[in-house]
Amino acid sequence: MRLVLFDLDNTLVGRTAVFPNAIADLCNERNYGPDVEAWLLAELVQRAAPTDFERLREAFRLDAPALQLWQEYVDRMAAAVTCRPEVIEGLSRLRAATWTVGVITNGASDIQRAKLVATGLADLVDGVAVSGDLEIRKPDRRLYDLAASRCGSRLEDGGWMVGDNPAGDIGGGYQAGLRTIWLRGRPWPDDLLAADHVVDDVTDAITILLNETE
């Protein structure tokens, strides 16, 4: 069996497109003004955690408990994210071709796992490692070790990393001894080694992996 680890946000699911709508829905539901919405859009654009909502309460003297606001955000993001049918089909084909499929993602454990369940991806992967599990983030090799272990594999046996983040996904995958496929989009650092493959869509990456099986 061959191991492939996928990033989650903006690789298997689209976070960027749905994030503003989730923030707008939360603010509309609670009758928060544009200043709160602007703060959330700025502070949570890259990642979100329960502590962000503690800071929000302090900044705007809100009455709602921080954990309640966090859970409302988690629920809205999980309901909003989608995984395209062709990606679901591709992952199913990988597993049928005896690939071991894992997800390695930065973020809070509860929100990332909520996305996996809501999109149906939880049933299509063999293991998941979220940075919030150990309070370490990609490209830290320890998170890659955890992901491989939860898939019943070892990094020493090799495998692949697929993601959109040059440093976290491609640099981290390289440091973990994995071959890499980069989803083009973010600026590429001048000092980073090139990925093994560069694609425009995760389905193209899946096709490359399937061809490796043949």
Protein backbone atom coordinates (compact mmCIF):
# COMPACT_ATOMS: atom_id res chain seq x y z
CA MET A 1 0.00 0.00 0.00
CA ARG A 2 1.21 3.51 -0.83
CA LEU A 3 0.73 6.52 1.42
CA VAL A 4 -0.55 9.92 0.31
CA LEU A 5 -1.25 12.80 2.66
CA PHE A 6 -3.53 15.64 1.58
CA ASP A 7 -3.83 19.12 2.98
CA LEU A 8 -7.44 20.06 3.75
CA ASP A 9 -8.19 23.78 3.31
CA ASN A 10 -7.99 24.98 -0.30
CA THR A 11 -6.78 21.55 -1.36
CA LEU A 12 -9.57 19.05 -0.69
CA VAL A 13 -12.12 21.68 0.35
CA GLY A 14 -12.42 25.37 -0.48
CA ARG A 15 -12.08 27.54 2.64
CA THR A 16 -11.36 30.92 1.06
CA ALA A 17 -14.60 31.16 -0.90
CA VAL A 18 -16.94 30.30 1.99
CA PHE A 19 -15.14 32.07 4.84
CA PRO A 20 -16.63 35.58 4.29
CA ASN A 21 -20.16 34.20 4.09
CA ALA A 22 -19.75 32.26 7.34
CA ILE A 23 -18.58 35.41 9.10
CA ALA A 24 -21.42 37.46 7.63
CA ASP A 25 -24.00 34.88 8.71
CA LEU A 26 -22.67 34.81 12.26
CA CYS A 27 -22.69 38.60 12.53
CA ASN A 28 -26.16 38.93 11.00
CA GLU A 29 -27.58 36.30 13.34
CA ARG A 30 -26.22 38.13 16.37
CA ASN A 31 -26.86 41.64 15.07
CA TYR A 32 -23.18 42.52 15.24
CA GLY A 33 -22.19 45.58 13.28
CA PRO A 34 -19.71 45.98 10.43
CA ASP A 35 -16.86 46.71 12.84
CA VAL A 36 -17.12 43.22 14.37
CA GLU A 37 -17.44 41.63 10.94
CA ALA A 38 -14.38 43.50 9.66
CA TRP A 39 -12.38 42.43 12.73
CA LEU A 40 -13.28 38.77 12.23
CA LEU A 41 -12.51 38.87 8.51
CA ALA A 42 -9.09 40.32 9.22
CA GLU A 43 -8.14 38.20 12.23
CA LEU A 44 -9.44 34.83 11.02
CA VAL A 45 -8.47 35.05 7.35
CA GLN A 46 -5.58 32.58 7.70
CA ARG A 47 -6.78 30.42 10.60
CA ALA A 48 -9.18 30.49 13.53
CA ALA A 49 -9.13 29.23 17.11
CA PRO A 50 -11.29 29.58 20.23
CA THR A 51 -8.85 32.14 21.64
CA ASP A 52 -9.69 34.46 18.75
CA PHE A 53 -13.21 34.77 20.08
CA GLU A 54 -11.93 35.55 23.55
CA ARG A 55 -10.03 38.45 21.99
CA LEU A 56 -13.17 39.44 20.09
CA ARG A 57 -15.21 39.61 23.30
CA GLU A 58 -12.59 41.77 24.97
CA ALA A 59 -12.20 44.08 21.98
CA PHE A 60 -15.93 44.76 21.61
CA ARG A 61 -17.18 43.94 25.13
CA LEU A 62 -19.58 41.30 23.89
CA ASP A 63 -21.85 39.38 26.26
CA ALA A 64 -21.92 36.02 24.46
CA PRO A 65 -19.45 33.42 25.82
CA ALA A 66 -16.37 32.98 23.64
CA LEU A 67 -16.85 29.23 23.34
CA GLN A 68 -20.43 29.72 22.19
CA LEU A 69 -19.31 32.13 19.50
CA TRP A 70 -16.56 29.73 18.47
CA GLN A 71 -19.03 26.84 18.16
CA GLU A 72 -21.37 28.97 16.05
CA TYR A 73 -18.44 29.76 13.75
CA VAL A 74 -17.45 26.09 13.57
CA ASP A 75 -21.02 25.08 12.68
CA ARG A 76 -21.28 27.71 9.95
CA MET A 77 -17.93 26.84 8.39
CA ALA A 78 -18.68 23.11 8.46
CA ALA A 79 -22.05 23.71 6.83
CA ALA A 80 -20.54 25.96 4.16
CA VAL A 81 -17.51 24.00 2.98
CA THR A 82 -17.95 21.48 0.21
CA CYS A 83 -15.86 18.84 -1.47
CA ARG A 84 -16.52 18.49 -5.18
CA PRO A 85 -17.93 15.13 -6.36
CA GLU A 86 -14.95 14.57 -8.65
CA VAL A 87 -12.62 14.88 -5.66
CA ILE A 88 -14.70 12.40 -3.66
CA GLU A 89 -14.63 10.03 -6.63
CA GLY A 90 -10.88 10.45 -7.02
CA LEU A 91 -10.20 9.60 -3.39
CA SER A 92 -12.42 6.54 -3.69
CA ARG A 93 -10.42 5.43 -6.72
CA LEU A 94 -7.16 5.90 -4.82
CA ARG A 95 -8.34 3.68 -2.00
CA ALA A 96 -9.60 1.09 -4.47
CA ALA A 97 -6.11 1.15 -5.99
CA THR A 98 -4.71 0.23 -2.53
CA TRP A 99 -3.50 3.71 -1.62
CA THR A 100 -3.53 4.69 2.04
CA VAL A 101 -5.07 8.17 2.19
CA GLY A 102 -4.52 10.62 5.03
CA VAL A 103 -5.24 14.26 5.84
CA ILE A 104 -2.68 16.52 7.50
CA THR A 105 -3.91 20.01 8.25
CA ASN A 106 -3.13 23.05 10.35
CA GLY A 107 -5.99 24.39 12.42
CA ALA A 108 -8.11 23.73 15.49
CA SER A 109 -9.05 20.07 15.84
CA ASP A 110 -12.79 20.54 16.24
CA ILE A 111 -13.33 22.76 13.21
CA GLN A 112 -11.13 20.70 10.88
CA ARG A 113 -12.79 17.45 11.87
CA ALA A 114 -16.23 19.05 11.55
CA LYS A 115 -15.35 19.91 7.93
CA LEU A 116 -14.25 16.34 7.25
CA VAL A 117 -17.50 14.93 8.59
CA ALA A 118 -19.73 17.50 6.88
CA THR A 119 -18.15 16.93 3.46
CA GLY A 120 -18.08 13.13 3.68
CA LEU A 121 -14.29 13.07 3.61
CA ALA A 122 -14.08 11.45 7.04
CA ASP A 123 -15.29 8.19 5.49
CA LEU A 124 -12.67 8.29 2.74
CA VAL A 125 -9.45 8.71 4.71
CA ASP A 126 -7.47 6.27 6.80
CA GLY A 127 -6.08 8.80 9.27
CA VAL A 128 -6.15 12.48 10.21
CA ALA A 129 -3.58 14.67 11.93
CA VAL A 130 -4.56 18.22 12.89
CA SER A 131 -2.08 20.74 14.24
CA GLY A 132 -4.39 21.37 17.18
CA ASP A 133 -3.89 17.73 18.28
CA LEU A 134 -0.31 18.42 19.37
CA GLU A 135 -0.13 22.22 19.18
CA ILE A 136 2.43 21.92 16.40
CA ARG A 137 1.99 23.03 12.82
CA LYS A 138 3.19 22.05 9.38
CA PRO A 139 5.99 21.97 8.32
CA ASP A 140 6.97 20.37 11.66
CA ARG A 141 7.96 16.79 10.88
CA ARG A 142 6.28 15.56 14.07
CA LEU A 143 2.88 16.32 12.56
CA TYR A 144 3.82 14.31 9.50
CA ASP A 145 4.92 11.44 11.73
CA LEU A 146 1.56 11.59 13.49
CA ALA A 147 -0.34 11.59 10.20
CA ALA A 148 1.54 8.58 8.88
CA SER A 149 1.10 6.72 12.16
CA ARG A 150 -2.65 7.34 12.21
CA CYS A 151 -2.79 5.92 8.70
CA GLY A 152 -1.01 2.78 9.88
CA SER A 153 2.11 3.75 7.91
CA ARG A 154 5.61 5.12 8.47
CA LEU A 155 7.34 8.04 6.82
CA GLU A 156 10.37 5.81 6.38
CA ASP A 157 8.39 3.79 3.85
CA GLY A 158 7.91 6.86 1.65
CA GLY A 159 4.82 8.38 0.12
CA TRP A 160 3.40 11.64 -1.20
CA MET A 161 2.23 15.01 0.12
CA VAL A 162 -0.35 17.09 -1.80
CA GLY A 163 -1.16 20.68 -0.85
CA ASP A 164 -1.32 24.35 -1.77
CA ASN A 165 1.04 25.83 0.80
CA PRO A 166 4.64 25.96 -0.49
CA ALA A 167 6.36 25.98 2.91
CA GLY A 168 3.91 23.99 5.02
CA ASP A 169 2.91 21.35 2.50
CA ILE A 170 5.72 21.08 -0.02
CA GLY A 171 8.62 22.11 2.22
CA GLY A 172 7.22 20.05 5.07
CA GLY A 173 6.60 17.06 2.84
CA TYR A 174 10.14 17.23 1.50
CA GLN A 175 11.58 17.37 5.03
CA ALA A 176 9.45 14.34 5.93
CA GLY A 177 10.95 12.36 3.05
CA LEU A 178 7.83 12.46 0.89
CA ARG A 179 7.44 13.24 -2.78
CA THR A 180 5.30 16.31 -3.33
CA ILE A 181 2.57 17.75 -5.55
CA TRP A 182 1.87 21.47 -5.32
CA LEU A 183 -1.48 23.06 -6.17
CA ARG A 184 -0.43 26.25 -7.90
CA GLY A 185 -1.76 29.50 -6.46
CA ARG A 186 0.31 31.01 -3.67
CA PRO A 187 3.63 32.74 -4.40
CA TRP A 188 6.56 30.32 -4.48
CA PRO A 189 9.52 31.22 -2.22
CA ASP A 190 12.82 31.61 -4.05
CA ASP A 191 14.70 29.48 -1.53
CA LEU A 192 12.34 26.48 -1.61
CA LEU A 193 13.11 23.35 -3.59
CA ALA A 194 10.69 22.65 -6.42
CA ALA A 195 7.85 20.17 -5.95
CA ASP A 196 7.93 16.90 -7.89
CA HIS A 197 4.78 17.98 -9.73
CA VAL A 198 2.81 21.22 -10.07
CA VAL A 199 -0.92 21.10 -10.87
CA ASP A 200 -3.87 23.47 -11.02
CA ASP A 201 -6.41 21.18 -9.35
CA VAL A 202 -6.31 18.41 -6.78
CA THR A 203 -7.98 16.06 -9.28
CA ASP A 204 -4.87 16.43 -11.45
CA ALA A 205 -2.78 15.35 -8.47
CA ILE A 206 -5.00 12.32 -7.96
CA THR A 207 -4.54 11.38 -11.62
CA ILE A 208 -0.76 11.53 -11.20
CA LEU A 209 -0.98 9.25 -8.16
CA LEU A 210 -3.25 6.78 -9.96
CA ASN A 211 -0.78 6.64 -12.82
CA GLU A 212 1.94 5.84 -10.30
CA THR A 213 -0.09 2.78 -9.30
CA GLU A 214 -0.16 1.36 -12.81
